[in-house]
């Protein structure tokens, strides 16, 4: 039995270096504003971000605006999923520095929604 040792050579696969994904432009803009010590409140699910809810066809006041002082557990906006508005609650108390999404923009799991400058713990 004879084997073909000098058979065709197969080139080695080219492996490229992995690069980190670019920093979100929304977070980059916040970083450029020289704000430090802020906490990001992230999206718990996917949907369209809404700053206010709609009741009986009428739009209500926004849940929070830039410069507002919010409490832990306060509703900061809503995620619209096929007509169902799910409240998004803050997990930190403090001053809202920046709303990172406009009304109606699509968001995904873990997307940063707002930046909050935290205040003292225990504010109710």
Protein backbone atom coordinates (compact mmCIF):
# COMPACT_ATOMS: atom_id res chain seq x y z
CA UNK A 1 0.00 0.00 0.00
CA UNK A 2 1.49 3.28 -1.08
CA UNK A 3 0.46 6.64 0.36
CA UNK A 4 0.68 9.99 -1.37
CA UNK A 5 2.86 11.97 1.02
CA UNK A 6 3.60 14.81 -1.37
CA UNK A 7 -0.08 15.58 -1.97
CA UNK A 8 -1.59 19.02 -2.33
CA UNK A 9 -0.90 21.45 0.49
CA UNK A 10 -3.74 23.25 2.17
CA UNK A 11 -3.00 26.82 3.22
CA UNK A 12 -3.39 27.60 6.90
CA UNK A 13 -6.45 29.67 7.74
CA UNK A 14 -5.85 33.37 8.23
CA UNK A 15 -6.75 34.45 11.73
CA UNK A 16 -7.38 38.14 12.18
CA UNK A 17 -7.09 39.95 15.47
CA UNK A 18 -10.37 40.48 17.23
CA UNK A 19 -11.27 44.07 17.87
CA UNK A 20 -13.65 45.34 20.47
CA UNK A 21 -16.89 46.79 19.19
CA UNK A 22 -16.92 50.58 19.08
CA UNK A 23 -18.24 52.40 22.12
CA UNK A 24 -21.86 53.39 21.69
CA UNK A 25 -22.12 56.88 20.25
CA UNK A 26 -24.65 57.72 22.93
CA UNK A 27 -22.21 56.77 25.71
CA UNK A 28 -19.34 58.48 23.89
CA UNK A 29 -21.33 61.73 23.78
CA UNK A 30 -22.00 61.44 27.50
CA UNK A 31 -18.32 60.81 28.20
CA UNK A 32 -17.38 63.87 26.15
CA UNK A 33 -19.62 66.05 28.32
CA UNK A 34 -17.11 65.60 31.17
CA UNK A 35 -19.74 64.17 33.51
CA UNK A 36 -18.25 61.63 35.88
CA UNK A 37 -19.64 59.41 38.57
CA UNK A 38 -22.87 58.74 36.72
CA UNK A 39 -24.81 55.47 36.72
CA UNK A 40 -26.48 54.06 33.63
CA UNK A 41 -30.02 52.70 33.84
CA UNK A 42 -30.31 49.98 31.20
CA UNK A 43 -33.20 48.52 29.27
CA UNK A 44 -34.57 45.30 30.81
CA UNK A 45 -36.02 44.10 27.48
CA UNK A 46 -36.54 45.08 23.84
CA UNK A 47 -39.09 47.51 22.47
CA UNK A 48 -39.62 51.14 21.51
CA UNK A 49 -38.60 53.57 24.25
CA UNK A 50 -41.33 56.01 25.28
CA UNK A 51 -40.82 58.89 27.69
CA UNK A 52 -44.52 59.00 28.50
CA UNK A 53 -47.46 56.66 28.26
CA UNK A 54 -50.64 57.01 26.27
CA UNK A 55 -53.99 56.72 28.08
CA UNK A 56 -57.24 56.71 26.13
CA UNK A 57 -55.45 58.03 23.06
CA UNK A 58 -53.93 61.00 24.89
CA UNK A 59 -50.23 61.36 25.58
CA UNK A 60 -49.36 61.98 29.24
CA UNK A 61 -46.52 64.05 30.71
CA UNK A 62 -43.01 62.55 30.39
CA UNK A 63 -42.05 60.28 33.27
CA UNK A 64 -38.77 62.19 33.74
CA UNK A 65 -36.74 64.91 32.06
CA UNK A 66 -33.09 65.92 32.14
CA UNK A 67 -32.40 67.71 35.42
CA UNK A 68 -35.18 65.94 37.33
CA UNK A 69 -34.39 64.30 40.66
CA UNK A 70 -35.69 60.75 40.63
CA UNK A 71 -36.12 58.15 43.36
CA UNK A 72 -35.10 54.52 43.41
CA UNK A 73 -37.91 52.47 41.87
CA UNK A 74 -39.46 55.48 40.09
CA UNK A 75 -40.76 54.93 36.57
CA UNK A 76 -38.42 56.68 34.11
CA UNK A 77 -40.09 55.64 30.87
CA UNK A 78 -41.92 52.88 29.09
CA UNK A 79 -41.05 50.17 26.57
CA UNK A 80 -43.69 49.68 23.93
CA UNK A 81 -43.96 46.06 22.82
CA UNK A 82 -46.71 45.57 20.25
CA UNK A 83 -49.01 48.05 21.98
CA UNK A 84 -48.21 46.98 25.53
CA UNK A 85 -46.39 49.65 27.55
CA UNK A 86 -44.04 48.15 30.11
CA UNK A 87 -42.76 50.55 32.80
CA UNK A 88 -38.98 50.94 33.18
CA UNK A 89 -37.99 51.68 36.77
CA UNK A 90 -34.78 53.27 38.00
CA UNK A 91 -32.55 51.20 40.23
CA UNK A 92 -30.80 54.31 41.58
CA UNK A 93 -31.87 57.64 43.08
CA UNK A 94 -30.36 60.89 41.85
CA UNK A 95 -30.41 63.60 39.19
CA UNK A 96 -31.10 62.70 35.55
CA UNK A 97 -28.09 63.88 33.56
CA UNK A 98 -29.04 62.67 30.11
CA UNK A 99 -31.81 60.77 28.37
CA UNK A 100 -29.94 58.70 25.81
CA UNK A 101 -32.88 57.70 23.60
CA UNK A 102 -35.49 59.79 21.86
CA UNK A 103 -39.17 59.00 22.05
CA UNK A 104 -39.97 56.04 19.80
CA UNK A 105 -36.40 54.79 19.26
CA UNK A 106 -35.89 51.02 19.26
CA UNK A 107 -33.86 49.62 22.18
CA UNK A 108 -32.46 46.17 22.92
CA UNK A 109 -31.57 44.18 26.02
CA UNK A 110 -29.13 46.10 28.21
CA UNK A 111 -29.07 49.26 26.08
CA UNK A 112 -28.31 52.37 28.18
CA UNK A 113 -31.48 54.47 28.58
CA UNK A 114 -30.54 57.27 30.98
CA UNK A 115 -27.53 58.52 32.90
CA UNK A 116 -28.14 59.38 36.55
CA UNK A 117 -25.84 61.21 38.96
CA UNK A 118 -26.51 59.17 42.12
CA UNK A 119 -27.49 60.80 45.39
CA UNK A 120 -27.37 59.37 48.89
CA UNK A 121 -28.74 55.89 49.46
CA UNK A 122 -32.07 55.49 51.16
CA UNK A 123 -33.89 58.45 49.54
CA UNK A 124 -37.52 57.47 49.22
